[in-house]
Amino acid sequence: MIDTARSEYPADMLHAAHHGEAGYLETVTEDLVESVTRYAQEQPITAMLWALGVGVLLGWKLRRW
């Protein structure tokens, strides 16, 4: 027999039903991406130099021996 009075649903069903509400991590990530995009539009040369510097540093540290 199916218990129809039960109001507990699996967490993935609740998340799918309420997908409009973003979690804390999603909100922070979206804000960070928006800030970086706005900075890159306002200061393109500085943003390019930062990206180049981070790329060189990561490439140097992660290279294969």
N, C-alpha and C. Protein backbone atom coordinates (compact mmCIF):
# COMPACT_ATOMS: atom_id res chain seq x y z
N MET A 1 0.84 -1.18 0.00
CA MET A 1 0.00 0.00 0.00
C MET A 1 0.88 1.24 0.00
N ILE A 2 0.50 2.26 -0.74
CA ILE A 2 1.26 3.49 -0.86
C ILE A 2 0.82 4.48 0.22
N ASP A 3 1.77 5.06 0.91
CA ASP A 3 1.49 6.03 1.95
C ASP A 3 1.36 7.41 1.30
N THR A 4 0.14 7.86 1.07
CA THR A 4 -0.08 9.15 0.39
C THR A 4 0.02 10.33 1.33
N ALA A 5 -0.03 10.10 2.63
CA ALA A 5 0.04 11.20 3.60
C ALA A 5 1.49 11.61 3.88
N ARG A 6 2.43 10.81 3.41
CA ARG A 6 3.83 11.12 3.66
C ARG A 6 4.25 12.34 2.84
N SER A 7 4.92 13.31 3.46
CA SER A 7 5.30 14.54 2.75
C SER A 7 6.80 14.64 2.53
N GLU A 8 7.55 13.59 2.83
CA GLU A 8 8.99 13.62 2.64
C GLU A 8 9.33 13.11 1.24
N TYR A 9 10.01 13.93 0.48
CA TYR A 9 10.42 13.57 -0.87
C TYR A 9 11.94 13.46 -0.90
N PRO A 10 12.48 12.71 -1.83
CA PRO A 10 13.95 12.66 -1.95
C PRO A 10 14.53 14.04 -2.25
N ALA A 11 15.75 14.24 -1.81
CA ALA A 11 16.38 15.56 -1.94
C ALA A 11 16.54 15.98 -3.40
N ASP A 12 16.83 15.04 -4.30
CA ASP A 12 16.99 15.43 -5.70
C ASP A 12 15.67 15.87 -6.33
N MET A 13 14.55 15.31 -5.86
CA MET A 13 13.25 15.75 -6.38
C MET A 13 12.94 17.15 -5.89
N LEU A 14 13.25 17.43 -4.63
CA LEU A 14 13.02 18.78 -4.10
C LEU A 14 13.90 19.80 -4.80
N HIS A 15 15.15 19.43 -5.07
CA HIS A 15 16.06 20.34 -5.77
C HIS A 15 15.57 20.61 -7.19
N ALA A 16 15.08 19.59 -7.87
CA ALA A 16 14.58 19.76 -9.23
C ALA A 16 13.32 20.61 -9.24
N ALA A 17 12.50 20.47 -8.23
CA ALA A 17 11.25 21.24 -8.17
C ALA A 17 11.51 22.71 -7.85
N HIS A 18 12.58 22.99 -7.12
CA HIS A 18 12.88 24.36 -6.72
C HIS A 18 14.18 24.84 -7.35
N HIS A 19 14.34 24.59 -8.63
CA HIS A 19 15.59 24.96 -9.29
C HIS A 19 15.78 26.45 -9.43
N GLY A 20 14.75 27.25 -9.23
CA GLY A 20 14.87 28.70 -9.34
C GLY A 20 15.69 29.31 -8.23
N GLU A 21 15.72 28.65 -7.07
CA GLU A 21 16.48 29.16 -5.95
C GLU A 21 17.91 28.65 -6.04
N ALA A 22 18.86 29.57 -6.16
CA ALA A 22 20.26 29.19 -6.26
C ALA A 22 20.84 29.01 -4.86
N GLY A 23 21.73 28.08 -4.72
CA GLY A 23 22.41 27.86 -3.45
C GLY A 23 23.47 28.90 -3.21
N TYR A 24 24.06 28.86 -2.05
CA TYR A 24 25.06 29.86 -1.68
C TYR A 24 26.27 29.81 -2.61
N LEU A 25 26.76 28.60 -2.88
CA LEU A 25 27.94 28.46 -3.73
C LEU A 25 27.66 28.93 -5.16
N GLU A 26 26.48 28.62 -5.67
CA GLU A 26 26.12 29.07 -7.02
C GLU A 26 26.03 30.59 -7.09
N THR A 27 25.47 31.20 -6.05
CA THR A 27 25.35 32.66 -6.02
C THR A 27 26.72 33.32 -5.97
N VAL A 28 27.61 32.80 -5.13
CA VAL A 28 28.95 33.36 -5.02
C VAL A 28 29.70 33.20 -6.34
N THR A 29 29.56 32.03 -6.98
CA THR A 29 30.24 31.78 -8.25
C THR A 29 29.74 32.73 -9.33
N GLU A 30 28.43 32.91 -9.41
CA GLU A 30 27.86 33.82 -10.41
C GLU A 30 28.34 35.25 -10.17
N ASP A 31 28.38 35.69 -8.91
CA ASP A 31 28.85 37.03 -8.59
C ASP A 31 30.32 37.21 -8.96
N LEU A 32 31.12 36.19 -8.69
CA LEU A 32 32.55 36.26 -9.02
C LEU A 32 32.77 36.35 -10.52
N VAL A 33 32.05 35.53 -11.29
CA VAL A 33 32.19 35.56 -12.74
C VAL A 33 31.73 36.91 -13.30
N GLU A 34 30.65 37.44 -12.74
CA GLU A 34 30.16 38.75 -13.19
C GLU A 34 31.17 39.84 -12.89
N SER A 35 31.79 39.79 -11.71
CA SER A 35 32.79 40.81 -11.34
C SER A 35 34.02 40.73 -12.23
N VAL A 36 34.50 39.52 -12.49
CA VAL A 36 35.68 39.35 -13.35
C VAL A 36 35.37 39.80 -14.77
N THR A 37 34.19 39.49 -15.27
CA THR A 37 33.80 39.91 -16.61
C THR A 37 33.72 41.43 -16.71
N ARG A 38 33.14 42.07 -15.71
CA ARG A 38 33.03 43.52 -15.71
C ARG A 38 34.42 44.17 -15.64
N TYR A 39 35.30 43.61 -14.80
CA TYR A 39 36.67 44.13 -14.69
C TYR A 39 37.41 43.98 -16.01
N ALA A 40 37.24 42.83 -16.67
CA ALA A 40 37.92 42.61 -17.96
C ALA A 40 37.41 43.57 -19.02
N GLN A 41 36.14 43.97 -18.95
CA GLN A 41 35.62 44.93 -19.91
C GLN A 41 36.12 46.34 -19.63
N GLU A 42 36.29 46.67 -18.35
CA GLU A 42 36.73 48.00 -17.98
C GLU A 42 38.25 48.16 -18.10
N GLN A 43 39.01 47.13 -17.79
CA GLN A 43 40.47 47.16 -17.82
C GLN A 43 41.00 45.98 -18.65
N PRO A 44 40.86 46.01 -19.97
CA PRO A 44 41.22 44.84 -20.77
C PRO A 44 42.71 44.52 -20.75
N ILE A 45 43.58 45.52 -20.75
CA ILE A 45 45.02 45.25 -20.78
C ILE A 45 45.47 44.64 -19.46
N THR A 46 45.01 45.19 -18.35
CA THR A 46 45.37 44.65 -17.04
C THR A 46 44.85 43.22 -16.88
N ALA A 47 43.62 42.98 -17.31
CA ALA A 47 43.05 41.63 -17.21
C ALA A 47 43.83 40.65 -18.08
N MET A 48 44.26 41.09 -19.26
CA MET A 48 45.04 40.22 -20.14
C MET A 48 46.39 39.89 -19.51
N LEU A 49 47.04 40.87 -18.90
CA LEU A 49 48.33 40.63 -18.25
C LEU A 49 48.18 39.69 -17.05
N TRP A 50 47.10 39.84 -16.28
CA TRP A 50 46.84 38.91 -15.18
C TRP A 50 46.64 37.49 -15.72
N ALA A 51 45.85 37.34 -16.78
CA ALA A 51 45.61 36.02 -17.35
C ALA A 51 46.91 35.41 -17.87
N LEU A 52 47.74 36.22 -18.51
CA LEU A 52 49.03 35.74 -19.00
C LEU A 52 49.93 35.31 -17.85
N GLY A 53 49.99 36.11 -16.80
CA GLY A 53 50.80 35.78 -15.63
C GLY A 53 50.35 34.50 -14.94
N VAL A 54 49.05 34.36 -14.76
CA VAL A 54 48.52 33.14 -14.14
C VAL A 54 48.79 31.94 -15.03
N GLY A 55 48.64 32.10 -16.34
CA GLY A 55 48.90 31.00 -17.27
C GLY A 55 50.36 30.57 -17.26
N VAL A 56 51.27 31.54 -17.22
CA VAL A 56 52.69 31.21 -17.18
C VAL A 56 53.03 30.52 -15.87
N LEU A 57 52.51 31.04 -14.76
CA LEU A 57 52.79 30.44 -13.46
C LEU A 57 52.25 29.01 -13.39
N LEU A 58 51.01 28.79 -13.83
CA LEU A 58 50.46 27.44 -13.82
C LEU A 58 51.20 26.52 -14.77
N GLY A 59 51.55 27.02 -15.94
CA GLY A 59 52.30 26.21 -16.88
C GLY A 59 53.66 25.81 -16.37
N TRP A 60 54.30 26.72 -15.64
CA TRP A 60 55.61 26.44 -15.08
C TRP A 60 55.52 25.42 -13.94
N LYS A 61 54.50 25.58 -13.08
CA LYS A 61 54.36 24.70 -11.92
C LYS A 61 53.80 23.33 -12.30
N LEU A 62 53.01 23.24 -13.35
CA LEU A 62 52.35 21.98 -13.71
C LEU A 62 53.00 21.25 -14.87
N ARG A 63 54.16 21.73 -15.33
CA ARG A 63 54.79 21.08 -16.47
C ARG A 63 55.24 19.67 -16.12
N ARG A 64 55.33 18.85 -17.11
CA ARG A 64 55.75 17.48 -16.89
C ARG A 64 57.27 17.43 -16.86
N TRP A 65 57.83 16.63 -16.01
CA TRP A 65 59.29 16.51 -15.89
C TRP A 65 59.79 15.45 -16.77
